[in-house]
Amino acid sequence: MKELDLHGYYHHKVQDEVENFVLLNSKELPLRIITGKSEFMKNRVCEILDHHKFDYYTPAHNSGEVIVTFDKELMS
């Protein structure tokens, strides 16, 4: 599974990094985005995924990551 680790990224750079990652790799789902403990970072990632109509979840065993599972636009 491809992953994007956001540790060390500034909050203002997250949008471009996450959008590029999920859009360029949307044919290779699932994808892992590591947000770490930052609630701001996790919320920002989820907002971006919602905007692009991706389904995702946070695993029960690790609340510091988001797994992108499905792109609703591909099915339209």
PDB file of N, CA and C in Angstrom:
ATOM      1  N   MET A   1       0.854  -1.175   0.000  1.00  0.00           N
ATOM      2  CA  MET A   1       0.000   0.000   0.000  1.00  0.00           C
ATOM      3  C   MET A   1       0.897   1.234   0.000  1.00  0.00           C
ATOM      4  N   LYS A   2       0.624   2.149  -0.909  1.00  0.00           N
ATOM      5  CA  LYS A   2       1.395   3.397  -0.945  1.00  0.00           C
ATOM      6  C   LYS A   2       0.994   4.254   0.245  1.00  0.00           C
ATOM      7  N   GLU A   3       1.965   5.029   0.730  1.00  0.00           N
ATOM      8  CA  GLU A   3       1.652   5.886   1.870  1.00  0.00           C
ATOM      9  C   GLU A   3       2.320   7.242   1.751  1.00  0.00           C
ATOM     10  N   LEU A   4       1.678   8.212   2.379  1.00  0.00           N
ATOM     11  CA  LEU A   4       2.184   9.571   2.498  1.00  0.00           C
ATOM     12  C   LEU A   4       2.312   9.851   3.983  1.00  0.00           C
ATOM     13  N   ASP A   5       3.526  10.144   4.425  1.00  0.00           N
ATOM     14  CA  ASP A   5       3.776  10.452   5.832  1.00  0.00           C
ATOM     15  C   ASP A   5       3.886  11.964   5.977  1.00  0.00           C
ATOM     16  N   LEU A   6       2.957  12.557   6.708  1.00  0.00           N
ATOM     17  CA  LEU A   6       2.902  14.015   6.850  1.00  0.00           C
ATOM     18  C   LEU A   6       3.710  14.545   8.030  1.00  0.00           C
ATOM     19  N   HIS A   7       4.425  13.679   8.727  1.00  0.00           N
ATOM     20  CA  HIS A   7       5.295  14.162   9.807  1.00  0.00           C
ATOM     21  C   HIS A   7       6.305  15.140   9.219  1.00  0.00           C
ATOM     22  N   GLY A   8       6.426  16.294   9.840  1.00  0.00           N
ATOM     23  CA  GLY A   8       7.389  17.290   9.393  1.00  0.00           C
ATOM     24  C   GLY A   8       6.843  18.266   8.362  1.00  0.00           C
ATOM     25  N   TYR A   9       5.626  18.051   7.866  1.00  0.00           N
ATOM     26  CA  TYR A   9       5.037  18.980   6.906  1.00  0.00           C
ATOM     27  C   TYR A   9       4.394  20.146   7.648  1.00  0.00           C
ATOM     28  N   TYR A  10       4.544  21.328   7.105  1.00  0.00           N
ATOM     29  CA  TYR A  10       3.849  22.492   7.642  1.00  0.00           C
ATOM     30  C   TYR A  10       2.378  22.404   7.244  1.00  0.00           C
ATOM     31  N   HIS A  11       1.518  22.878   8.117  1.00  0.00           N
ATOM     32  CA  HIS A  11       0.079  22.779   7.873  1.00  0.00           C
ATOM     33  C   HIS A  11      -0.320  23.421   6.551  1.00  0.00           C
ATOM     34  N   HIS A  12       0.305  24.535   6.180  1.00  0.00           N
ATOM     35  CA  HIS A  12      -0.098  25.220   4.945  1.00  0.00           C
ATOM     36  C   HIS A  12       0.334  24.464   3.679  1.00  0.00           C
ATOM     37  N   LYS A  13       1.176  23.442   3.806  1.00  0.00           N
ATOM     38  CA  LYS A  13       1.602  22.648   2.649  1.00  0.00           C
ATOM     39  C   LYS A  13       0.793  21.355   2.489  1.00  0.00           C
ATOM     40  N   VAL A  14      -0.044  21.058   3.456  1.00  0.00           N
ATOM     41  CA  VAL A  14      -0.755  19.781   3.473  1.00  0.00           C
ATOM     42  C   VAL A  14      -1.701  19.633   2.286  1.00  0.00           C
ATOM     43  N   GLN A  15      -2.445  20.667   1.948  1.00  0.00           N
ATOM     44  CA  GLN A  15      -3.433  20.542   0.881  1.00  0.00           C
ATOM     45  C   GLN A  15      -2.781  20.072  -0.420  1.00  0.00           C
ATOM     46  N   ASP A  16      -1.736  20.739  -0.867  1.00  0.00           N
ATOM     47  CA  ASP A  16      -1.089  20.357  -2.123  1.00  0.00           C
ATOM     48  C   ASP A  16      -0.536  18.942  -2.060  1.00  0.00           C
ATOM     49  N   GLU A  17       0.091  18.583  -0.958  1.00  0.00           N
ATOM     50  CA  GLU A  17       0.700  17.263  -0.834  1.00  0.00           C
ATOM     51  C   GLU A  17      -0.351  16.156  -0.856  1.00  0.00           C
ATOM     52  N   VAL A  18      -1.424  16.337  -0.094  1.00  0.00           N
ATOM     53  CA  VAL A  18      -2.465  15.313  -0.019  1.00  0.00           C
ATOM     54  C   VAL A  18      -3.202  15.205  -1.352  1.00  0.00           C
ATOM     55  N   GLU A  19      -3.571  16.336  -1.936  1.00  0.00           N
ATOM     56  CA  GLU A  19      -4.260  16.294  -3.233  1.00  0.00           C
ATOM     57  C   GLU A  19      -3.412  15.603  -4.288  1.00  0.00           C
ATOM     58  N   ASN A  20      -2.155  15.977  -4.390  1.00  0.00           N
ATOM     59  CA  ASN A  20      -1.275  15.343  -5.371  1.00  0.00           C
ATOM     60  C   ASN A  20      -1.174  13.838  -5.131  1.00  0.00           C
ATOM     61  N   PHE A  21      -0.996  13.455  -3.884  1.00  0.00           N
ATOM     62  CA  PHE A  21      -0.837  12.044  -3.552  1.00  0.00           C
ATOM     63  C   PHE A  21      -2.070  11.228  -3.921  1.00  0.00           C
ATOM     64  N   VAL A  22      -3.242  11.671  -3.484  1.00  0.00           N
ATOM     65  CA  VAL A  22      -4.439  10.855  -3.727  1.00  0.00           C
ATOM     66  C   VAL A  22      -4.872  10.900  -5.189  1.00  0.00           C
ATOM     67  N   LEU A  23      -4.744  12.029  -5.836  1.00  0.00           N
ATOM     68  CA  LEU A  23      -5.170  12.112  -7.231  1.00  0.00           C
ATOM     69  C   LEU A  23      -4.223  11.352  -8.157  1.00  0.00           C
ATOM     70  N   LEU A  24      -2.939  11.422  -7.894  1.00  0.00           N
ATOM     71  CA  LEU A  24      -1.977  10.696  -8.729  1.00  0.00           C
ATOM     72  C   LEU A  24      -2.010   9.192  -8.498  1.00  0.00           C
ATOM     73  N   ASN A  25      -2.466   8.770  -7.315  1.00  0.00           N
ATOM     74  CA  ASN A  25      -2.463   7.344  -6.967  1.00  0.00           C
ATOM     75  C   ASN A  25      -3.866   6.760  -6.823  1.00  0.00           C
ATOM     76  N   SER A  26      -4.878   7.430  -7.319  1.00  0.00           N
ATOM     77  CA  SER A  26      -6.258   6.998  -7.100  1.00  0.00           C
ATOM     78  C   SER A  26      -6.586   5.660  -7.757  1.00  0.00           C
ATOM     79  N   LYS A  27      -5.797   5.222  -8.689  1.00  0.00           N
ATOM     80  CA  LYS A  27      -6.025   3.921  -9.326  1.00  0.00           C
ATOM     81  C   LYS A  27      -5.373   2.782  -8.537  1.00  0.00           C
ATOM     82  N   GLU A  28      -4.652   3.135  -7.459  1.00  0.00           N
ATOM     83  CA  GLU A  28      -3.927   2.142  -6.668  1.00  0.00           C
ATOM     84  C   GLU A  28      -4.427   2.059  -5.232  1.00  0.00           C
ATOM     85  N   LEU A  29      -5.711   2.289  -5.033  1.00  0.00           N
ATOM     86  CA  LEU A  29      -6.287   2.245  -3.690  1.00  0.00           C
ATOM     87  C   LEU A  29      -6.218   0.828  -3.135  1.00  0.00           C
ATOM     88  N   PRO A  30      -6.094   0.687  -1.834  1.00  0.00           N
ATOM     89  CA  PRO A  30      -6.122   1.708  -0.796  1.00  0.00           C
ATOM     90  C   PRO A  30      -4.773   2.430  -0.664  1.00  0.00           C
ATOM     91  N   LEU A  31      -4.848   3.606  -0.048  1.00  0.00           N
ATOM     92  CA  LEU A  31      -3.674   4.428   0.231  1.00  0.00           C
ATOM     93  C   LEU A  31      -3.655   4.742   1.724  1.00  0.00           C
ATOM     94  N   ARG A  32      -2.473   4.925   2.274  1.00  0.00           N
ATOM     95  CA  ARG A  32      -2.329   5.277   3.698  1.00  0.00           C
ATOM     96  C   ARG A  32      -1.762   6.695   3.792  1.00  0.00           C
ATOM     97  N   ILE A  33      -2.415   7.519   4.604  1.00  0.00           N
ATOM     98  CA  ILE A  33      -1.905   8.859   4.899  1.00  0.00           C
ATOM     99  C   ILE A  33      -1.656   8.911   6.394  1.00  0.00           C
ATOM    100  N   ILE A  34      -0.407   9.108   6.763  1.00  0.00           N
ATOM    101  CA  ILE A  34      -0.017   9.159   8.173  1.00  0.00           C
ATOM    102  C   ILE A  34      -0.089  10.610   8.627  1.00  0.00           C
ATOM    103  N   THR A  35      -0.998  10.867   9.555  1.00  0.00           N
ATOM    104  CA  THR A  35      -1.221  12.232  10.040  1.00  0.00           C
ATOM    105  C   THR A  35      -0.534  12.489  11.374  1.00  0.00           C
ATOM    106  N   GLY A  36      -0.233  11.458  12.105  1.00  0.00           N
ATOM    107  CA  GLY A  36       0.295  11.629  13.452  1.00  0.00           C
ATOM    108  C   GLY A  36      -0.811  12.032  14.411  1.00  0.00           C
ATOM    109  N   LYS A  37      -0.441  12.584  15.539  1.00  0.00           N
ATOM    110  CA  LYS A  37      -1.405  12.898  16.598  1.00  0.00           C
ATOM    111  C   LYS A  37      -2.146  14.214  16.405  1.00  0.00           C
ATOM    112  N   SER A  38      -1.734  15.020  15.442  1.00  0.00           N
ATOM    113  CA  SER A  38      -2.325  16.343  15.249  1.00  0.00           C
ATOM    114  C   SER A  38      -3.766  16.242  14.758  1.00  0.00           C
ATOM    115  N   GLU A  39      -4.709  16.707  15.573  1.00  0.00           N
ATOM    116  CA  GLU A  39      -6.113  16.728  15.166  1.00  0.00           C
ATOM    117  C   GLU A  39      -6.319  17.690  14.002  1.00  0.00           C
ATOM    118  N   PHE A  40      -5.592  18.803  14.010  1.00  0.00           N
ATOM    119  CA  PHE A  40      -5.699  19.735  12.890  1.00  0.00           C
ATOM    120  C   PHE A  40      -5.306  19.043  11.592  1.00  0.00           C
ATOM    121  N   MET A  41      -4.204  18.314  11.608  1.00  0.00           N
ATOM    122  CA  MET A  41      -3.720  17.640  10.406  1.00  0.00           C
ATOM    123  C   MET A  41      -4.730  16.596   9.944  1.00  0.00           C
ATOM    124  N   LYS A  42      -5.237  15.807  10.865  1.00  0.00           N
ATOM    125  CA  LYS A  42      -6.211  14.776  10.507  1.00  0.00           C
ATOM    126  C   LYS A  42      -7.475  15.412   9.925  1.00  0.00           C
ATOM    127  N   ASN A  43      -7.977  16.466  10.565  1.00  0.00           N
ATOM    128  CA  ASN A  43      -9.175  17.141  10.073  1.00  0.00           C
ATOM    129  C   ASN A  43      -8.950  17.732   8.687  1.00  0.00           C
ATOM    130  N   ARG A  44      -7.780  18.304   8.481  1.00  0.00           N
ATOM    131  CA  ARG A  44      -7.460  18.898   7.167  1.00  0.00           C
ATOM    132  C   ARG A  44      -7.426  17.823   6.086  1.00  0.00           C
ATOM    133  N   VAL A  45      -6.807  16.694   6.376  1.00  0.00           N
ATOM    134  CA  VAL A  45      -6.748  15.581   5.422  1.00  0.00           C
ATOM    135  C   VAL A  45      -8.161  15.107   5.093  1.00  0.00           C
ATOM    136  N   CYS A  46      -9.002  14.952   6.091  1.00  0.00           N
ATOM    137  CA  CYS A  46     -10.376  14.486   5.863  1.00  0.00           C
ATOM    138  C   CYS A  46     -11.183  15.492   5.043  1.00  0.00           C
ATOM    139  N   GLU A  47     -10.984  16.778   5.271  1.00  0.00           N
ATOM    140  CA  GLU A  47     -11.659  17.801   4.470  1.00  0.00           C
ATOM    141  C   GLU A  47     -11.266  17.684   2.998  1.00  0.00           C
ATOM    142  N   ILE A  48      -9.991  17.466   2.749  1.00  0.00           N
ATOM    143  CA  ILE A  48      -9.496  17.332   1.369  1.00  0.00           C
ATOM    144  C   ILE A  48     -10.081  16.082   0.718  1.00  0.00           C
ATOM    145  N   LEU A  49     -10.096  14.973   1.448  1.00  0.00           N
ATOM    146  CA  LEU A  49     -10.650  13.734   0.911  1.00  0.00           C
ATOM    147  C   LEU A  49     -12.152  13.869   0.649  1.00  0.00           C
ATOM    148  N   ASP A  50     -12.867  14.526   1.543  1.00  0.00           N
ATOM    149  CA  ASP A  50     -14.294  14.767   1.339  1.00  0.00           C
ATOM    150  C   ASP A  50     -14.527  15.616   0.088  1.00  0.00           C
ATOM    151  N   HIS A  51     -13.727  16.650  -0.078  1.00  0.00           N
ATOM    152  CA  HIS A  51     -13.853  17.549  -1.233  1.00  0.00           C
ATOM    153  C   HIS A  51     -13.709  16.782  -2.545  1.00  0.00           C
ATOM    154  N   HIS A  52     -12.813  15.821  -2.564  1.00  0.00           N
ATOM    155  CA  HIS A  52     -12.559  15.039  -3.777  1.00  0.00           C
ATOM    156  C   HIS A  52     -13.377  13.742  -3.822  1.00  0.00           C
ATOM    157  N   LYS A  53     -14.290  13.595  -2.877  1.00  0.00           N
ATOM    158  CA  LYS A  53     -15.235  12.472  -2.843  1.00  0.00           C
ATOM    159  C   LYS A  53     -14.570  11.102  -2.683  1.00  0.00           C
ATOM    160  N   PHE A  54     -13.565  11.051  -1.834  1.00  0.00           N
ATOM    161  CA  PHE A  54     -12.941   9.776  -1.494  1.00  0.00           C
ATOM    162  C   PHE A  54     -13.582   9.227  -0.229  1.00  0.00           C
ATOM    163  N   ASP A  55     -13.722   7.913  -0.152  1.00  0.00           N
ATOM    164  CA  ASP A  55     -14.104   7.258   1.097  1.00  0.00           C
ATOM    165  C   ASP A  55     -12.829   6.905   1.840  1.00  0.00           C
ATOM    166  N   TYR A  56     -12.895   6.916   3.153  1.00  0.00           N
ATOM    167  CA  TYR A  56     -11.711   6.677   3.973  1.00  0.00           C
ATOM    168  C   TYR A  56     -12.161   6.276   5.370  1.00  0.00           C
ATOM    169  N   TYR A  57     -11.215   5.766   6.128  1.00  0.00           N
ATOM    170  CA  TYR A  57     -11.498   5.449   7.530  1.00  0.00           C
ATOM    171  C   TYR A  57     -10.214   5.574   8.329  1.00  0.00           C
ATOM    172  N   THR A  58     -10.387   5.676   9.640  1.00  0.00           N
ATOM    173  CA  THR A  58      -9.268   5.673  10.573  1.00  0.00           C
ATOM    174  C   THR A  58      -9.269   4.319  11.268  1.00  0.00           C
ATOM    175  N   PRO A  59      -8.200   3.550  11.128  1.00  0.00           N
ATOM    176  CA  PRO A  59      -8.169   2.234  11.763  1.00  0.00           C
ATOM    177  C   PRO A  59      -8.251   2.334  13.286  1.00  0.00           C
ATOM    178  N   ALA A  60      -8.941   1.396  13.899  1.00  0.00           N
ATOM    179  CA  ALA A  60      -9.087   1.392  15.360  1.00  0.00           C
ATOM    180  C   ALA A  60      -7.737   1.229  16.048  1.00  0.00           C
ATOM    181  N   HIS A  61      -6.811   0.535  15.431  1.00  0.00           N
ATOM    182  CA  HIS A  61      -5.515   0.271  16.055  1.00  0.00           C
ATOM    183  C   HIS A  61      -4.522   1.427  15.914  1.00  0.00           C
ATOM    184  N   ASN A  62      -4.842   2.444  15.062  1.00  0.00           N
ATOM    185  CA  ASN A  62      -3.914   3.548  14.865  1.00  0.00           C
ATOM    186  C   ASN A  62      -4.684   4.797  14.452  1.00  0.00           C
ATOM    187  N   SER A  63      -4.957   5.662  15.405  1.00  0.00           N
ATOM    188  CA  SER A  63      -5.719   6.874  15.108  1.00  0.00           C
ATOM    189  C   SER A  63      -4.877   7.941  14.425  1.00  0.00           C
ATOM    190  N   GLY A  64      -3.605   7.665  14.205  1.00  0.00           N
ATOM    191  CA  GLY A  64      -2.710   8.617  13.553  1.00  0.00           C
ATOM    192  C   GLY A  64      -2.552   8.381  12.066  1.00  0.00           C
ATOM    193  N   GLU A  65      -3.500   7.647  11.476  1.00  0.00           N
ATOM    194  CA  GLU A  65      -3.451   7.437  10.033  1.00  0.00           C
ATOM    195  C   GLU A  65      -4.861   7.384   9.465  1.00  0.00           C
ATOM    196  N   VAL A  66      -4.943   7.647   8.177  1.00  0.00           N
ATOM    197  CA  VAL A  66      -6.202   7.589   7.445  1.00  0.00           C
ATOM    198  C   VAL A  66      -5.974   6.665   6.256  1.00  0.00           C
ATOM    199  N   ILE A  67      -6.894   5.729   6.046  1.00  0.00           N
ATOM    200  CA  ILE A  67      -6.813   4.819   4.916  1.00  0.00           C
ATOM    201  C   ILE A  67      -7.856   5.256   3.888  1.00  0.00           C
ATOM    202  N   VAL A  68      -7.386   5.569   2.694  1.00  0.00           N
ATOM    203  CA  VAL A  68      -8.260   5.984   1.594  1.00  0.00           C
ATOM    204  C   VAL A  68      -8.653   4.721   0.838  1.00  0.00           C
ATOM    205  N   THR A  69      -9.963   4.483   0.728  1.00  0.00           N
ATOM    206  CA  THR A  69     -10.418   3.198   0.197  1.00  0.00           C
ATOM    207  C   THR A  69     -11.136   3.260  -1.136  1.00  0.00           C
ATOM    208  N   PHE A  70     -11.682   4.418  -1.523  1.00  0.00           N
ATOM    209  CA  PHE A  70     -12.559   4.421  -2.671  1.00  0.00           C
ATOM    210  C   PHE A  70     -12.705   5.823  -3.220  1.00  0.00           C
ATOM    211  N   ASP A  71     -12.714   5.946  -4.530  1.00  0.00           N
ATOM    212  CA  ASP A  71     -12.945   7.234  -5.178  1.00  0.00           C
ATOM    213  C   ASP A  71     -14.310   7.178  -5.856  1.00  0.00           C
ATOM    214  N   LYS A  72     -15.268   7.893  -5.316  1.00  0.00           N
ATOM    215  CA  LYS A  72     -16.639   7.863  -5.850  1.00  0.00           C
ATOM    216  C   LYS A  72     -16.715   8.395  -7.268  1.00  0.00           C
ATOM    217  N   GLU A  73     -15.802   9.297  -7.645  1.00  0.00           N
ATOM    218  CA  GLU A  73     -15.812   9.860  -8.990  1.00  0.00           C
ATOM    219  C   GLU A  73     -15.495   8.803 -10.043  1.00  0.00           C
ATOM    220  N   LEU A  74     -14.689   7.823  -9.722  1.00  0.00           N
ATOM    221  CA  LEU A  74     -14.347   6.787 -10.690  1.00  0.00           C
ATOM    222  C   LEU A  74     -15.557   5.948 -11.060  1.00  0.00           C
ATOM    223  N   MET A  75     -16.526   5.877 -10.179  1.00  0.00           N
ATOM    224  CA  MET A  75     -17.704   5.063 -10.413  1.00  0.00           C
ATOM    225  C   MET A  75     -18.827   5.836 -11.113  1.00  0.00           C
ATOM    226  N   SER A  76     -18.654   7.110 -11.310  1.00  0.00           N
ATOM    227  CA  SER A  76     -19.703   7.934 -11.937  1.00  0.00           C
ATOM    228  C   SER A  76     -19.697   7.785 -13.431  1.00  0.00           C
TER     229      SER A  76
END
